[in-house]
Amino acid sequence: MTLNIVLMIMIATLLIPLYTSLKGDDIWQTMLAFSSVSTKTAVIILLVSVLRDDWMIGVVGVIILSVGNSGFMLIAHLLKRLSDS
């Protein structure tokens, strides 16, 4: 029961970066918000895997945590190189 409440609180905190990214026009703030969302989503996936006692879902959460933000890092590097030239 308490893990369900924690899950609801985590979903509510997931919406905060999305709201802040919609307010601003800065691309870096938007990328930071999406990176935060992907990390929070991976943690939520891990919590759901504990609730369901399913280790395959947990493996997906770990893969998202370990590899998920590498695409954002590549995009940030490309944007930085484009703005420098």
N, C-alpha and C. Protein backbone atom coordinates (compact mmCIF):
# COMPACT_ATOMS: atom_id res chain seq x y z
N MET A 1 0.82 -1.20 0.00
CA MET A 1 0.00 0.00 0.00
C MET A 1 0.86 1.26 0.00
N THR A 2 1.92 1.27 0.81
CA THR A 2 2.76 2.47 0.89
C THR A 2 3.56 2.67 -0.39
N LEU A 3 3.95 1.56 -1.06
CA LEU A 3 4.67 1.71 -2.32
C LEU A 3 3.77 2.28 -3.41
N ASN A 4 2.48 2.01 -3.34
CA ASN A 4 1.55 2.61 -4.30
C ASN A 4 1.47 4.12 -4.11
N ILE A 5 1.49 4.56 -2.87
CA ILE A 5 1.47 6.01 -2.58
C ILE A 5 2.77 6.65 -3.07
N VAL A 6 3.90 5.96 -2.84
CA VAL A 6 5.18 6.47 -3.33
C VAL A 6 5.17 6.57 -4.86
N LEU A 7 4.58 5.58 -5.52
CA LEU A 7 4.48 5.60 -6.98
C LEU A 7 3.66 6.79 -7.46
N MET A 8 2.57 7.09 -6.79
CA MET A 8 1.75 8.25 -7.18
C MET A 8 2.51 9.56 -6.98
N ILE A 9 3.26 9.65 -5.89
CA ILE A 9 4.07 10.85 -5.65
C ILE A 9 5.16 10.99 -6.71
N MET A 10 5.76 9.87 -7.11
CA MET A 10 6.80 9.91 -8.14
C MET A 10 6.23 10.35 -9.48
N ILE A 11 5.04 9.91 -9.81
CA ILE A 11 4.41 10.33 -11.06
C ILE A 11 4.09 11.82 -11.02
N ALA A 12 3.67 12.30 -9.85
CA ALA A 12 3.40 13.74 -9.73
C ALA A 12 4.68 14.57 -9.88
N THR A 13 5.79 14.09 -9.32
CA THR A 13 7.05 14.82 -9.48
C THR A 13 7.60 14.71 -10.89
N LEU A 14 7.15 13.74 -11.63
CA LEU A 14 7.56 13.59 -13.03
C LEU A 14 7.02 14.73 -13.88
N LEU A 15 5.90 15.29 -13.48
CA LEU A 15 5.27 16.35 -14.27
C LEU A 15 5.92 17.71 -14.06
N ILE A 16 6.68 17.90 -13.00
CA ILE A 16 7.28 19.20 -12.71
C ILE A 16 8.28 19.64 -13.79
N PRO A 17 9.23 18.79 -14.22
CA PRO A 17 10.15 19.24 -15.28
C PRO A 17 9.45 19.50 -16.61
N LEU A 18 8.40 18.75 -16.88
CA LEU A 18 7.66 19.00 -18.13
C LEU A 18 6.99 20.37 -18.10
N TYR A 19 6.47 20.74 -16.96
CA TYR A 19 5.83 22.06 -16.83
C TYR A 19 6.86 23.17 -16.99
N THR A 20 8.03 23.01 -16.38
CA THR A 20 9.05 24.05 -16.49
C THR A 20 9.62 24.14 -17.90
N SER A 21 9.69 23.03 -18.62
CA SER A 21 10.20 23.09 -19.99
C SER A 21 9.20 23.75 -20.93
N LEU A 22 7.93 23.66 -20.62
CA LEU A 22 6.93 24.30 -21.47
C LEU A 22 6.91 25.81 -21.28
N LYS A 23 7.33 26.29 -20.11
CA LYS A 23 7.31 27.72 -19.83
C LYS A 23 8.42 28.46 -20.57
N GLY A 24 9.59 27.85 -20.73
CA GLY A 24 10.74 28.55 -21.30
C GLY A 24 10.99 28.17 -22.74
N ASP A 25 11.76 29.02 -23.43
CA ASP A 25 12.14 28.75 -24.80
C ASP A 25 13.60 28.31 -24.93
N ASP A 26 14.30 28.20 -23.81
CA ASP A 26 15.71 27.83 -23.83
C ASP A 26 15.84 26.34 -24.15
N ILE A 27 16.64 26.01 -25.17
CA ILE A 27 16.79 24.62 -25.58
C ILE A 27 17.52 23.80 -24.52
N TRP A 28 18.45 24.42 -23.79
CA TRP A 28 19.19 23.70 -22.77
C TRP A 28 18.29 23.33 -21.59
N GLN A 29 17.39 24.22 -21.25
CA GLN A 29 16.45 23.92 -20.16
C GLN A 29 15.51 22.79 -20.59
N THR A 30 15.09 22.77 -21.83
CA THR A 30 14.22 21.71 -22.32
C THR A 30 14.95 20.37 -22.32
N MET A 31 16.20 20.38 -22.77
CA MET A 31 16.97 19.12 -22.77
C MET A 31 17.20 18.61 -21.35
N LEU A 32 17.47 19.52 -20.44
CA LEU A 32 17.65 19.12 -19.04
C LEU A 32 16.36 18.53 -18.47
N ALA A 33 15.24 19.12 -18.82
CA ALA A 33 13.95 18.61 -18.33
C ALA A 33 13.67 17.21 -18.88
N PHE A 34 13.95 16.98 -20.16
CA PHE A 34 13.71 15.66 -20.73
C PHE A 34 14.68 14.62 -20.16
N SER A 35 15.90 15.03 -19.87
CA SER A 35 16.85 14.11 -19.24
C SER A 35 16.36 13.73 -17.84
N SER A 36 15.84 14.70 -17.13
CA SER A 36 15.31 14.43 -15.80
C SER A 36 14.10 13.50 -15.87
N VAL A 37 13.27 13.70 -16.88
CA VAL A 37 12.09 12.84 -17.05
C VAL A 37 12.51 11.41 -17.33
N SER A 38 13.52 11.22 -18.17
CA SER A 38 13.92 9.85 -18.49
C SER A 38 14.50 9.14 -17.27
N THR A 39 15.25 9.86 -16.45
CA THR A 39 15.81 9.26 -15.24
C THR A 39 14.70 8.91 -14.25
N LYS A 40 13.75 9.83 -14.07
CA LYS A 40 12.64 9.55 -13.15
C LYS A 40 11.78 8.41 -13.66
N THR A 41 11.60 8.31 -14.97
CA THR A 41 10.81 7.22 -15.53
C THR A 41 11.50 5.88 -15.28
N ALA A 42 12.81 5.85 -15.40
CA ALA A 42 13.55 4.61 -15.15
C ALA A 42 13.41 4.19 -13.69
N VAL A 43 13.45 5.14 -12.77
CA VAL A 43 13.28 4.81 -11.36
C VAL A 43 11.85 4.31 -11.09
N ILE A 44 10.88 4.91 -11.77
CA ILE A 44 9.49 4.44 -11.63
C ILE A 44 9.36 3.02 -12.17
N ILE A 45 10.04 2.73 -13.27
CA ILE A 45 10.00 1.37 -13.83
C ILE A 45 10.61 0.38 -12.83
N LEU A 46 11.70 0.78 -12.17
CA LEU A 46 12.28 -0.11 -11.15
C LEU A 46 11.33 -0.34 -9.99
N LEU A 47 10.62 0.69 -9.57
CA LEU A 47 9.65 0.53 -8.48
C LEU A 47 8.51 -0.40 -8.91
N VAL A 48 8.04 -0.25 -10.13
CA VAL A 48 6.97 -1.13 -10.62
C VAL A 48 7.46 -2.57 -10.69
N SER A 49 8.72 -2.76 -11.07
CA SER A 49 9.24 -4.14 -11.12
C SER A 49 9.31 -4.75 -9.73
N VAL A 50 9.58 -3.94 -8.72
CA VAL A 50 9.57 -4.46 -7.35
C VAL A 50 8.14 -4.78 -6.92
N LEU A 51 7.19 -3.90 -7.27
CA LEU A 51 5.80 -4.15 -6.90
C LEU A 51 5.25 -5.41 -7.56
N ARG A 52 5.62 -5.64 -8.82
CA ARG A 52 5.10 -6.81 -9.55
C ARG A 52 5.96 -8.04 -9.36
N ASP A 53 7.12 -7.89 -8.74
CA ASP A 53 8.08 -8.99 -8.55
C ASP A 53 8.46 -9.59 -9.91
N ASP A 54 8.79 -8.72 -10.86
CA ASP A 54 9.15 -9.13 -12.21
C ASP A 54 10.52 -8.57 -12.54
N TRP A 55 11.53 -9.40 -12.62
CA TRP A 55 12.88 -8.93 -12.81
C TRP A 55 13.15 -8.48 -14.24
N MET A 56 12.34 -8.93 -15.20
CA MET A 56 12.55 -8.50 -16.60
C MET A 56 12.24 -7.01 -16.76
N ILE A 57 11.23 -6.53 -16.07
CA ILE A 57 10.92 -5.10 -16.10
C ILE A 57 12.05 -4.32 -15.43
N GLY A 58 12.61 -4.88 -14.38
CA GLY A 58 13.73 -4.24 -13.70
C GLY A 58 14.96 -4.13 -14.60
N VAL A 59 15.19 -5.14 -15.42
CA VAL A 59 16.32 -5.08 -16.36
C VAL A 59 16.13 -3.94 -17.35
N VAL A 60 14.92 -3.74 -17.81
CA VAL A 60 14.64 -2.63 -18.72
C VAL A 60 14.90 -1.29 -18.03
N GLY A 61 14.51 -1.18 -16.78
CA GLY A 61 14.77 0.05 -16.02
C GLY A 61 16.25 0.32 -15.86
N VAL A 62 17.03 -0.73 -15.61
CA VAL A 62 18.48 -0.57 -15.47
C VAL A 62 19.11 -0.16 -16.79
N ILE A 63 18.65 -0.74 -17.89
CA ILE A 63 19.18 -0.36 -19.22
C ILE A 63 18.86 1.09 -19.51
N ILE A 64 17.66 1.54 -19.19
CA ILE A 64 17.30 2.94 -19.41
C ILE A 64 18.17 3.85 -18.56
N LEU A 65 18.44 3.47 -17.32
CA LEU A 65 19.29 4.28 -16.45
C LEU A 65 20.72 4.35 -16.96
N SER A 66 21.23 3.25 -17.48
CA SER A 66 22.64 3.23 -17.88
C SER A 66 22.87 3.80 -19.27
N VAL A 67 21.94 3.68 -20.19
CA VAL A 67 22.16 4.11 -21.56
C VAL A 67 21.23 5.23 -21.99
N GLY A 68 20.18 5.47 -21.26
CA GLY A 68 19.12 6.36 -21.71
C GLY A 68 19.52 7.79 -21.98
N ASN A 69 20.44 8.36 -21.21
CA ASN A 69 20.78 9.77 -21.39
C ASN A 69 21.95 9.99 -22.33
N SER A 70 22.50 8.94 -22.90
CA SER A 70 23.63 9.14 -23.80
C SER A 70 23.22 9.87 -25.07
N GLY A 71 22.01 9.66 -25.53
CA GLY A 71 21.52 10.38 -26.71
C GLY A 71 21.42 11.87 -26.45
N PHE A 72 20.98 12.24 -25.25
CA PHE A 72 20.93 13.66 -24.90
C PHE A 72 22.32 14.28 -24.83
N MET A 73 23.28 13.51 -24.37
CA MET A 73 24.64 14.03 -24.31
C MET A 73 25.19 14.26 -25.72
N LEU A 74 24.89 13.36 -26.65
CA LEU A 74 25.34 13.55 -28.03
C LEU A 74 24.68 14.77 -28.67
N ILE A 75 23.40 14.94 -28.43
CA ILE A 75 22.70 16.10 -28.99
C ILE A 75 23.25 17.39 -28.39
N ALA A 76 23.54 17.40 -27.11
CA ALA A 76 24.10 18.60 -26.48
C ALA A 76 25.46 18.92 -27.06
N HIS A 77 26.27 17.90 -27.31
CA HIS A 77 27.60 18.14 -27.89
C HIS A 77 27.47 18.69 -29.32
N LEU A 78 26.54 18.15 -30.09
CA LEU A 78 26.34 18.65 -31.45
C LEU A 78 25.84 20.09 -31.45
N LEU A 79 24.92 20.41 -30.58
CA LEU A 79 24.42 21.78 -30.49
C LEU A 79 25.52 22.76 -30.07
N LYS A 80 26.36 22.31 -29.17
CA LYS A 80 27.47 23.17 -28.74
C LYS A 80 28.44 23.40 -29.88
N ARG A 81 28.74 22.37 -30.66
CA ARG A 81 29.66 22.52 -31.79
C ARG A 81 29.05 23.41 -32.86
N LEU A 82 27.74 23.31 -33.07
CA LEU A 82 27.08 24.15 -34.07
C LEU A 82 27.04 25.61 -33.63
N SER A 83 26.87 25.86 -32.35
CA SER A 83 26.82 27.23 -31.87
C SER A 83 28.21 27.87 -31.84
N ASP A 84 29.26 27.06 -31.72
CA ASP A 84 30.62 27.58 -31.73
C ASP A 84 31.05 28.03 -33.12
N SER A 85 30.55 27.39 -34.14
CA SER A 85 30.99 27.74 -35.50
C SER A 85 30.12 28.79 -36.15
